[in-house]
């Protein structure tokens, strides 16, 4: 028979883990490689290229139109991610200057 006293206690419901590794592991599962804006923009561009290639050979023709619209949407998403990253970078730079930094 198994000794139950050697088992780790079950965490209480609603209590967060104090182990920082658990936090980062969960964050990596949720965000993965899509955390960095340049990675996200690159991902969206690659998806746009895939959709563009699908549009070239799609039959019937309305599917080609559909894939082209999706490709355009992915390109806009990539542009939006980069613009947002640029704005955050500019705001951070202004904050540093305001504090008397570089």
N, C-alpha and C. Protein backbone atom coordinates (compact mmCIF):
# COMPACT_ATOMS: atom_id res chain seq x y z
N UNK A 1 0.83 -1.19 0.00
CA UNK A 1 0.00 0.00 0.00
C UNK A 1 0.88 1.26 0.00
N UNK A 2 0.45 2.25 -0.72
CA UNK A 2 1.21 3.49 -0.88
C UNK A 2 1.10 4.36 0.37
N UNK A 3 2.21 4.99 0.72
CA UNK A 3 2.23 5.88 1.86
C UNK A 3 1.72 7.25 1.42
N UNK A 4 0.55 7.63 1.87
CA UNK A 4 -0.08 8.88 1.45
C UNK A 4 0.56 10.10 2.07
N UNK A 5 1.27 9.94 3.15
CA UNK A 5 1.88 11.09 3.82
C UNK A 5 3.04 11.67 3.04
N UNK A 6 3.61 10.93 2.09
CA UNK A 6 4.76 11.42 1.32
C UNK A 6 4.34 12.22 0.09
N UNK A 7 3.08 12.20 -0.23
CA UNK A 7 2.60 12.96 -1.38
C UNK A 7 2.65 14.45 -1.09
N UNK A 8 2.81 15.22 -2.17
CA UNK A 8 2.78 16.68 -2.04
C UNK A 8 1.33 17.10 -1.77
N UNK A 9 1.13 18.07 -0.90
CA UNK A 9 -0.24 18.50 -0.62
C UNK A 9 -0.85 19.16 -1.85
N UNK A 10 -2.15 18.99 -2.00
CA UNK A 10 -2.86 19.62 -3.11
C UNK A 10 -2.95 21.11 -2.84
N UNK A 11 -2.75 21.93 -3.88
CA UNK A 11 -2.91 23.37 -3.67
C UNK A 11 -4.37 23.70 -3.41
N UNK A 12 -4.58 24.69 -2.58
CA UNK A 12 -5.95 25.11 -2.28
C UNK A 12 -6.54 25.83 -3.47
N UNK A 13 -7.82 25.68 -3.63
CA UNK A 13 -8.50 26.31 -4.73
C UNK A 13 -8.45 27.84 -4.57
N UNK A 14 -8.08 28.53 -5.65
CA UNK A 14 -8.03 29.98 -5.62
C UNK A 14 -6.72 30.54 -5.11
N UNK A 15 -5.76 29.68 -4.76
CA UNK A 15 -4.47 30.13 -4.26
C UNK A 15 -3.45 30.00 -5.38
N UNK A 16 -2.74 31.06 -5.66
CA UNK A 16 -1.74 31.05 -6.73
C UNK A 16 -0.45 30.42 -6.25
N UNK A 17 0.25 29.83 -7.18
CA UNK A 17 1.55 29.25 -6.88
C UNK A 17 2.56 30.36 -6.65
N UNK A 18 3.45 30.15 -5.71
CA UNK A 18 4.51 31.13 -5.46
C UNK A 18 5.76 30.79 -6.27
N UNK A 19 5.71 29.68 -6.99
CA UNK A 19 6.85 29.26 -7.80
C UNK A 19 6.87 30.08 -9.10
N UNK A 20 7.91 30.90 -9.31
CA UNK A 20 7.95 31.73 -10.52
C UNK A 20 8.03 30.89 -11.79
N UNK A 21 8.58 29.68 -11.70
CA UNK A 21 8.66 28.82 -12.89
C UNK A 21 7.28 28.47 -13.40
N UNK A 22 6.32 28.30 -12.52
CA UNK A 22 4.95 27.99 -12.93
C UNK A 22 4.36 29.15 -13.72
N UNK A 23 4.64 30.36 -13.27
CA UNK A 23 4.14 31.54 -13.96
C UNK A 23 4.71 31.62 -15.38
N UNK A 24 6.04 31.47 -15.50
CA UNK A 24 6.67 31.58 -16.80
C UNK A 24 6.28 30.43 -17.72
N UNK A 25 6.12 29.25 -17.18
CA UNK A 25 5.71 28.11 -18.00
C UNK A 25 4.32 28.35 -18.57
N UNK A 26 3.42 28.88 -17.75
CA UNK A 26 2.06 29.16 -18.21
C UNK A 26 2.09 30.27 -19.26
N UNK A 27 2.89 31.31 -19.02
CA UNK A 27 2.99 32.41 -19.97
C UNK A 27 3.51 31.92 -21.31
N UNK A 28 4.52 31.03 -21.29
CA UNK A 28 5.07 30.51 -22.53
C UNK A 28 4.05 29.67 -23.28
N UNK A 29 3.21 28.94 -22.56
CA UNK A 29 2.18 28.16 -23.21
C UNK A 29 1.17 29.06 -23.90
N UNK A 30 0.84 30.16 -23.26
CA UNK A 30 -0.17 31.06 -23.80
C UNK A 30 0.41 31.90 -24.94
N UNK A 31 1.58 32.44 -24.73
CA UNK A 31 2.13 33.39 -25.70
C UNK A 31 3.11 32.76 -26.68
N UNK A 32 3.91 31.82 -26.22
CA UNK A 32 4.85 31.14 -27.09
C UNK A 32 5.80 32.11 -27.78
N UNK A 33 6.06 31.83 -29.04
CA UNK A 33 7.02 32.65 -29.78
C UNK A 33 6.39 33.93 -30.30
N UNK A 34 5.12 34.15 -30.02
CA UNK A 34 4.42 35.32 -30.53
C UNK A 34 4.53 36.53 -29.60
N UNK A 35 5.40 36.46 -28.60
CA UNK A 35 5.53 37.57 -27.66
C UNK A 35 6.12 38.80 -28.30
N UNK A 36 7.17 38.64 -29.06
CA UNK A 36 7.88 39.79 -29.60
C UNK A 36 7.16 40.32 -30.84
N UNK A 37 6.98 41.63 -30.93
CA UNK A 37 6.25 42.20 -32.07
C UNK A 37 6.85 41.84 -33.43
N UNK A 38 8.18 41.78 -33.52
CA UNK A 38 8.78 41.43 -34.81
C UNK A 38 8.46 39.99 -35.19
N UNK A 39 8.40 39.09 -34.20
CA UNK A 39 8.02 37.70 -34.46
C UNK A 39 6.57 37.63 -34.93
N UNK A 40 5.71 38.39 -34.28
CA UNK A 40 4.31 38.40 -34.68
C UNK A 40 4.14 38.94 -36.08
N UNK A 41 4.81 40.03 -36.38
CA UNK A 41 4.71 40.63 -37.72
C UNK A 41 5.22 39.66 -38.78
N UNK A 42 6.33 38.99 -38.48
CA UNK A 42 6.89 38.01 -39.41
C UNK A 42 5.91 36.86 -39.63
N UNK A 43 5.29 36.41 -38.55
CA UNK A 43 4.29 35.33 -38.65
C UNK A 43 3.14 35.76 -39.56
N UNK A 44 2.63 36.97 -39.37
CA UNK A 44 1.52 37.45 -40.19
C UNK A 44 1.92 37.58 -41.65
N UNK A 45 3.15 38.03 -41.90
CA UNK A 45 3.62 38.12 -43.29
C UNK A 45 3.71 36.75 -43.94
N UNK A 46 4.21 35.78 -43.20
CA UNK A 46 4.30 34.41 -43.75
C UNK A 46 2.92 33.85 -44.06
N UNK A 47 1.97 34.12 -43.18
CA UNK A 47 0.60 33.67 -43.43
C UNK A 47 0.02 34.37 -44.65
N UNK A 48 0.35 35.62 -44.84
CA UNK A 48 -0.12 36.36 -46.01
C UNK A 48 0.43 35.73 -47.29
N UNK A 49 1.70 35.35 -47.27
CA UNK A 49 2.31 34.71 -48.44
C UNK A 49 1.61 33.38 -48.73
N UNK A 50 1.33 32.60 -47.69
CA UNK A 50 0.63 31.33 -47.88
C UNK A 50 -0.73 31.56 -48.52
N UNK A 51 -1.48 32.53 -48.02
CA UNK A 51 -2.81 32.82 -48.56
C UNK A 51 -2.72 33.31 -49.99
N UNK A 52 -1.70 34.11 -50.29
CA UNK A 52 -1.51 34.61 -51.65
C UNK A 52 -1.25 33.45 -52.61
N UNK A 53 -0.42 32.50 -52.18
CA UNK A 53 -0.13 31.32 -53.01
C UNK A 53 -1.40 30.48 -53.21
N UNK A 54 -2.18 30.32 -52.16
CA UNK A 54 -3.43 29.58 -52.28
C UNK A 54 -4.38 30.28 -53.25
N UNK A 55 -4.38 31.60 -53.24
CA UNK A 55 -5.27 32.37 -54.11
C UNK A 55 -4.93 32.16 -55.58
N UNK A 56 -3.64 31.98 -55.87
CA UNK A 56 -3.22 31.81 -57.27
C UNK A 56 -3.85 30.59 -57.92
N UNK A 57 -4.02 29.53 -57.13
CA UNK A 57 -4.44 28.25 -57.70
C UNK A 57 -5.82 27.81 -57.23
N UNK A 58 -6.53 28.69 -56.58
CA UNK A 58 -7.82 28.32 -56.01
C UNK A 58 -8.90 28.18 -57.08
N UNK A 59 -9.68 27.15 -56.94
CA UNK A 59 -10.85 26.94 -57.80
C UNK A 59 -12.01 26.60 -56.90
N UNK A 60 -13.13 27.15 -57.08
CA UNK A 60 -13.57 28.17 -58.03
C UNK A 60 -12.96 29.54 -57.70
N UNK A 61 -13.17 30.47 -58.61
CA UNK A 61 -12.53 31.79 -58.55
C UNK A 61 -12.85 32.56 -57.27
N UNK A 62 -14.04 32.37 -56.72
CA UNK A 62 -14.39 33.12 -55.51
C UNK A 62 -13.49 32.75 -54.34
N UNK A 63 -12.97 31.51 -54.34
CA UNK A 63 -12.01 31.14 -53.28
C UNK A 63 -10.71 31.91 -53.42
N UNK A 64 -10.28 32.16 -54.65
CA UNK A 64 -9.09 32.98 -54.87
C UNK A 64 -9.27 34.38 -54.32
N UNK A 65 -10.46 34.95 -54.56
CA UNK A 65 -10.76 36.28 -54.01
C UNK A 65 -10.74 36.26 -52.49
N UNK A 66 -11.29 35.20 -51.92
CA UNK A 66 -11.33 35.06 -50.46
C UNK A 66 -9.91 35.01 -49.90
N UNK A 67 -9.05 34.16 -50.48
CA UNK A 67 -7.67 34.05 -50.00
C UNK A 67 -6.90 35.35 -50.17
N UNK A 68 -7.16 36.08 -51.26
CA UNK A 68 -6.48 37.37 -51.45
C UNK A 68 -6.88 38.37 -50.37
N UNK A 69 -8.16 38.39 -50.03
CA UNK A 69 -8.61 39.31 -48.97
C UNK A 69 -7.99 38.93 -47.62
N UNK A 70 -7.87 37.64 -47.36
CA UNK A 70 -7.24 37.20 -46.11
C UNK A 70 -5.76 37.60 -46.11
N UNK A 71 -5.08 37.45 -47.25
CA UNK A 71 -3.67 37.83 -47.35
C UNK A 71 -3.50 39.32 -47.06
N UNK A 72 -4.39 40.14 -47.61
CA UNK A 72 -4.32 41.59 -47.36
C UNK A 72 -4.55 41.87 -45.88
N UNK A 73 -5.49 41.17 -45.29
CA UNK A 73 -5.77 41.36 -43.86
C UNK A 73 -4.54 41.02 -43.02
N UNK A 74 -3.85 39.92 -43.37
CA UNK A 74 -2.63 39.55 -42.63
C UNK A 74 -1.56 40.63 -42.78
N UNK A 75 -1.43 41.22 -43.96
CA UNK A 75 -0.43 42.27 -44.14
C UNK A 75 -0.77 43.49 -43.29
N UNK A 76 -2.04 43.84 -43.22
CA UNK A 76 -2.44 44.95 -42.35
C UNK A 76 -2.18 44.63 -40.88
N UNK A 77 -2.42 43.38 -40.49
CA UNK A 77 -2.14 42.99 -39.11
C UNK A 77 -0.66 43.13 -38.79
N UNK A 78 0.20 42.71 -39.73
CA UNK A 78 1.64 42.84 -39.52
C UNK A 78 2.04 44.31 -39.38
N UNK A 79 1.46 45.15 -40.23
CA UNK A 79 1.75 46.58 -40.17
C UNK A 79 1.28 47.19 -38.84
N UNK A 80 0.09 46.78 -38.39
CA UNK A 80 -0.44 47.29 -37.12
C UNK A 80 0.46 46.91 -35.94
N UNK A 81 0.95 45.66 -35.94
CA UNK A 81 1.84 45.21 -34.86
C UNK A 81 3.11 46.05 -34.84
N UNK A 82 3.68 46.30 -36.01
CA UNK A 82 4.91 47.09 -36.07
C UNK A 82 4.67 48.54 -35.66
N UNK A 83 3.55 49.10 -36.09
CA UNK A 83 3.23 50.48 -35.70
C UNK A 83 3.04 50.59 -34.19
N UNK A 84 2.37 49.61 -33.60
CA UNK A 84 2.16 49.61 -32.15
C UNK A 84 3.50 49.49 -31.42
N UNK A 85 4.37 48.62 -31.90
CA UNK A 85 5.69 48.46 -31.27
C UNK A 85 6.50 49.75 -31.38
N UNK A 86 6.40 50.40 -32.55
CA UNK A 86 7.12 51.66 -32.76
C UNK A 86 6.61 52.74 -31.80
N UNK A 87 5.30 52.79 -31.63
CA UNK A 87 4.70 53.79 -30.73
C UNK A 87 5.13 53.54 -29.28
N UNK A 88 5.15 52.27 -28.88
CA UNK A 88 5.59 51.96 -27.51
C UNK A 88 7.05 52.31 -27.31
N UNK A 89 7.86 52.03 -28.32
CA UNK A 89 9.28 52.35 -28.23
C UNK A 89 9.49 53.85 -28.13
N UNK A 90 8.74 54.62 -28.94
CA UNK A 90 8.85 56.08 -28.89
C UNK A 90 8.42 56.62 -27.52
N UNK A 91 7.34 56.06 -26.98
CA UNK A 91 6.85 56.50 -25.67
C UNK A 91 7.87 56.19 -24.58
N UNK A 92 8.49 55.02 -24.66
CA UNK A 92 9.50 54.66 -23.67
C UNK A 92 10.71 55.58 -23.78
N UNK A 93 11.09 55.90 -25.00
CA UNK A 93 12.23 56.79 -25.21
C UNK A 93 11.93 58.19 -24.65
N UNK A 94 10.72 58.69 -24.91
CA UNK A 94 10.34 60.00 -24.36
C UNK A 94 10.33 59.99 -22.84
N UNK A 95 9.90 58.88 -22.24
CA UNK A 95 9.86 58.78 -20.79
C UNK A 95 11.29 58.81 -20.22
N UNK A 96 12.21 58.16 -20.89
CA UNK A 96 13.61 58.17 -20.44
C UNK A 96 14.17 59.57 -20.52
N UNK A 97 13.89 60.25 -21.61
CA UNK A 97 14.38 61.63 -21.78
C UNK A 97 13.77 62.55 -20.72
N UNK A 98 12.47 62.36 -20.43
CA UNK A 98 11.80 63.20 -19.44
C UNK A 98 12.41 63.01 -18.05
N UNK A 99 12.91 61.81 -17.78
CA UNK A 99 13.53 61.54 -16.46
C UNK A 99 14.96 62.06 -16.41
N UNK A 100 15.45 62.55 -17.53
CA UNK A 100 16.82 63.07 -17.54
C UNK A 100 17.84 62.03 -17.96
N UNK A 101 17.39 60.95 -18.58
CA UNK A 101 18.28 59.88 -19.03
C UNK A 101 18.90 60.22 -20.36
N UNK A 102 19.42 59.20 -21.02
CA UNK A 102 20.11 59.35 -22.30
C UNK A 102 19.20 60.03 -23.22
